[in-house]
C-alpha atoms as a PDB file:
ATOM      1  CA  MET A   1     -18.184  16.848  -6.370  1.00  0.00           C
ATOM      2  CA  ARG A   2     -19.162  13.047  -7.109  1.00  0.00           C
ATOM      3  CA  ASN A   3     -17.228  13.239 -10.270  1.00  0.00           C
ATOM      4  CA  GLN A   4     -13.962  14.393  -8.208  1.00  0.00           C
ATOM      5  CA  THR A   5     -14.534  11.305  -5.652  1.00  0.00           C
ATOM      6  CA  MET A   6     -15.253   9.081  -8.424  1.00  0.00           C
ATOM      7  CA  ARG A   7     -12.526  10.144 -10.387  1.00  0.00           C
ATOM      8  CA  CYS A   8     -10.018   9.870  -6.845  1.00  0.00           C
ATOM      9  CA  ARG A   9     -11.320   6.381  -6.481  1.00  0.00           C
ATOM     10  CA  ARG A  10     -10.460   5.141 -10.234  1.00  0.00           C
ATOM     11  CA  VAL A  11      -7.057   6.421  -9.551  1.00  0.00           C
ATOM     12  CA  ALA A  12      -6.522   4.903  -6.430  1.00  0.00           C
ATOM     13  CA  ASP A  13      -7.586   1.669  -7.926  1.00  0.00           C
ATOM     14  CA  SER A  14      -5.105   1.723 -10.642  1.00  0.00           C
ATOM     15  CA  LEU A  15      -2.415   2.847  -8.215  1.00  0.00           C
ATOM     16  CA  ARG A  16      -3.322  -0.268  -6.011  1.00  0.00           C
ATOM     17  CA  LYS A  17      -3.165  -2.633  -8.951  1.00  0.00           C
ATOM     18  CA  GLU A  18       0.024  -1.214 -10.602  1.00  0.00           C
ATOM     19  CA  ILE A  19       2.096  -1.319  -7.111  1.00  0.00           C
ATOM     20  CA  SER A  20       0.885  -4.458  -6.031  1.00  0.00           C
ATOM     21  CA  SER A  21       1.804  -6.102  -9.709  1.00  0.00           C
ATOM     22  CA  MET A  22       5.388  -4.478  -9.280  1.00  0.00           C
ATOM     23  CA  LEU A  23       5.874  -6.090  -5.736  1.00  0.00           C
ATOM     24  CA  LEU A  24       4.463  -9.239  -6.830  1.00  0.00           C
ATOM     25  CA  LEU A  25       6.542  -9.565  -9.861  1.00  0.00           C
ATOM     26  CA  GLN A  26       9.598  -8.424  -7.892  1.00  0.00           C
ATOM     27  CA  GLU A  27      10.229  -5.267 -10.034  1.00  0.00           C
ATOM     28  CA  VAL A  28      11.329  -3.404  -7.020  1.00  0.00           C
ATOM     29  CA  LYS A  29      14.747  -4.876  -6.156  1.00  0.00           C
ATOM     30  CA  ASP A  30      14.840  -3.774  -2.532  1.00  0.00           C
ATOM     31  CA  PRO A  31      15.607  -6.973  -0.461  1.00  0.00           C
ATOM     32  CA  ARG A  32      13.926  -5.591   2.595  1.00  0.00           C
ATOM     33  CA  ILE A  33      10.648  -5.847   0.885  1.00  0.00           C
ATOM     34  CA  SER A  34       9.073  -9.200   0.602  1.00  0.00           C
ATOM     35  CA  PHE A  35       5.455 -10.703   1.101  1.00  0.00           C
ATOM     36  CA  VAL A  36       3.787  -7.442   1.060  1.00  0.00           C
ATOM     37  CA  THR A  37       0.165  -6.985   0.185  1.00  0.00           C
ATOM     38  CA  ILE A  38      -1.342  -3.786  -0.745  1.00  0.00           C
ATOM     39  CA  ILE A  39      -4.684  -3.399   1.116  1.00  0.00           C
ATOM     40  CA  ASP A  40      -5.711   0.093  -0.138  1.00  0.00           C
ATOM     41  CA  VAL A  41      -4.642   3.491  -1.835  1.00  0.00           C
ATOM     42  CA  ALA A  42      -6.344   6.580  -0.964  1.00  0.00           C
ATOM     43  CA  VAL A  43      -5.694   9.549  -2.879  1.00  0.00           C
ATOM     44  CA  THR A  44      -6.264  13.298  -1.937  1.00  0.00           C
ATOM     45  CA  PRO A  45      -8.829  15.360  -3.873  1.00  0.00           C
ATOM     46  CA  ASP A  46      -6.082  17.214  -5.665  1.00  0.00           C
ATOM     47  CA  MET A  47      -4.083  14.023  -6.315  1.00  0.00           C
ATOM     48  CA  ARG A  48      -1.012  15.340  -5.037  1.00  0.00           C
ATOM     49  CA  ARG A  49      -0.676  12.586  -2.209  1.00  0.00           C
ATOM     50  CA  ALA A  50      -1.603   8.876  -1.939  1.00  0.00           C
ATOM     51  CA  GLU A  51      -1.584   6.867   1.362  1.00  0.00           C
ATOM     52  CA  VAL A  52      -0.593   3.241   0.277  1.00  0.00           C
ATOM     53  CA  TYR A  53      -2.053   0.955   3.146  1.00  0.00           C
ATOM     54  CA  TYR A  54      -0.126  -2.321   3.291  1.00  0.00           C
ATOM     55  CA  THR A  55       0.230  -5.575   5.234  1.00  0.00           C
ATOM     56  CA  VAL A  56       2.590  -8.041   5.905  1.00  0.00           C
ATOM     57  CA  HIS A  57       2.988 -11.133   8.157  1.00  0.00           C
ATOM     58  CA  ALA A  58       6.082 -10.150   9.989  1.00  0.00           C
ATOM     59  CA  THR A  59       7.234  -9.092  13.408  1.00  0.00           C
ATOM     60  CA  GLY A  60       7.657  -5.488  14.559  1.00  0.00           C
ATOM     61  CA  ASP A  61      11.420  -4.925  13.590  1.00  0.00           C
ATOM     62  CA  GLU A  62      10.803  -6.830  10.166  1.00  0.00           C
ATOM     63  CA  ARG A  63       7.796  -4.487   9.521  1.00  0.00           C
ATOM     64  CA  ARG A  64      10.214  -1.402  10.023  1.00  0.00           C
ATOM     65  CA  GLU A  65      12.523  -2.578   7.734  1.00  0.00           C
ATOM     66  CA  ILE A  66       9.997  -3.254   5.147  1.00  0.00           C
ATOM     67  CA  LEU A  67       8.278  -0.095   5.558  1.00  0.00           C
ATOM     68  CA  ALA A  68      12.051   1.606   5.219  1.00  0.00           C
ATOM     69  CA  GLY A  69      12.603  -0.381   2.031  1.00  0.00           C
ATOM     70  CA  LEU A  70       9.060   0.799   0.724  1.00  0.00           C
ATOM     71  CA  GLN A  71       9.645   4.457   1.644  1.00  0.00           C
ATOM     72  CA  SER A  72      13.294   4.272  -0.055  1.00  0.00           C
ATOM     73  CA  SER A  73      11.454   2.634  -3.296  1.00  0.00           C
ATOM     74  CA  ALA A  74       8.750   5.295  -3.655  1.00  0.00           C
ATOM     75  CA  GLY A  75      10.635   7.316  -6.219  1.00  0.00           C
ATOM     76  CA  PHE A  76      10.919   4.295  -8.460  1.00  0.00           C
ATOM     77  CA  ILE A  77       7.523   2.946  -7.832  1.00  0.00           C
ATOM     78  CA  ARG A  78       6.299   6.653  -8.787  1.00  0.00           C
ATOM     79  CA  ARG A  79       8.505   6.624 -11.744  1.00  0.00           C
ATOM     80  CA  GLU A  80       7.054   3.544 -12.888  1.00  0.00           C
ATOM     81  CA  LEU A  81       3.454   4.528 -12.392  1.00  0.00           C
ATOM     82  CA  GLY A  82       4.284   7.616 -14.489  1.00  0.00           C
ATOM     83  CA  LYS A  83       5.229   5.304 -17.333  1.00  0.00           C
ATOM     84  CA  ARG A  84       2.270   2.779 -16.862  1.00  0.00           C
ATOM     85  CA  LEU A  85      -0.552   5.290 -16.099  1.00  0.00           C
ATOM     86  CA  HIS A  86      -1.533   8.375 -18.418  1.00  0.00           C
ATOM     87  CA  LEU A  87      -1.979  10.615 -15.557  1.00  0.00           C
ATOM     88  CA  LYS A  88      -1.234  14.452 -15.588  1.00  0.00           C
ATOM     89  CA  ARG A  89       0.058  14.126 -12.261  1.00  0.00           C
ATOM     90  CA  ILE A  90       1.342  11.012 -10.234  1.00  0.00           C
ATOM     91  CA  PRO A  91       0.649  11.506  -6.517  1.00  0.00           C
ATOM     92  CA  GLU A  92       3.567  11.488  -3.814  1.00  0.00           C
ATOM     93  CA  LEU A  93       3.138   8.158  -2.412  1.00  0.00           C
ATOM     94  CA  HIS A  94       3.308   7.435   1.439  1.00  0.00           C
ATOM     95  CA  PHE A  95       3.107   4.076   2.902  1.00  0.00           C
ATOM     96  CA  ARG A  96       1.295   3.116   6.016  1.00  0.00           C
ATOM     97  CA  TYR A  97       0.951  -0.134   7.626  1.00  0.00           C
ATOM     98  CA  ASP A  98      -2.734  -1.415   7.958  1.00  0.00           C
ATOM     99  CA  GLU A  99      -3.168  -2.969  11.421  1.00  0.00           C
ATOM    100  CA  ALA A 100      -6.628  -4.060  10.751  1.00  0.00           C
ATOM    101  CA  LEU A 101      -5.316  -7.550  10.050  1.00  0.00           C
ATOM    102  CA  ASP A 102      -3.514  -7.596  13.195  1.00  0.00           C
ATOM    103  CA  HIS A 103      -6.470  -6.328  15.190  1.00  0.00           C
ATOM    104  CA  GLY A 104      -8.900  -9.154  13.657  1.00  0.00           C
ATOM    105  CA  PHE A 105      -6.371 -11.875  14.272  1.00  0.00           C
ATOM    106  CA  HIS A 106      -6.246 -10.357  18.117  1.00  0.00           C
ATOM    107  CA  ILE A 107     -10.009 -10.588  18.284  1.00  0.00           C
ATOM    108  CA  ASP A 108     -10.318 -14.052  16.832  1.00  0.00           C
ATOM    109  CA  LYS A 109      -7.426 -15.116  19.410  1.00  0.00           C
ATOM    110  CA  LEU A 110      -9.828 -13.495  22.367  1.00  0.00           C
ATOM    111  CA  LEU A 111     -12.662 -15.235  21.221  1.00  0.00           C
ATOM    112  CA  ALA A 112     -11.048 -18.395  20.935  1.00  0.00           C
ATOM    113  CA  GLU A 113      -9.665 -18.183  24.322  1.00  0.00           C
ATOM    114  CA  LEU A 114     -13.474 -17.783  25.719  1.00  0.00           C
ATOM    115  CA  HIS A 115     -14.476 -20.804  23.942  1.00  0.00           C
ATOM    116  CA  GLU A 116     -12.038 -22.922  25.551  1.00  0.00           C
END
């Protein structure tokens, strides 16, 4: 069981690095995708699905557009991952906005208001 967990983590780390690189180098040509940071990737034990957690400094409408761009580019990203990573199976990618930073900013704002 431990080896499977370690393997999932290694694959997830490789996916995160490669997807981040693709977005940073603007290899994904969708104009809706800009300034996206990949926070984490979680892979299921059977390696069929990967949740890609990202964040971006944008409003709600802009976030929805970016998510639509990421979802429409998922096939391209997956094909590129297949070329770059030597894996038997490239997981299906599902993008999820990570609200942890927003939550942290909200808490910082509340704390700052308390100290005023």
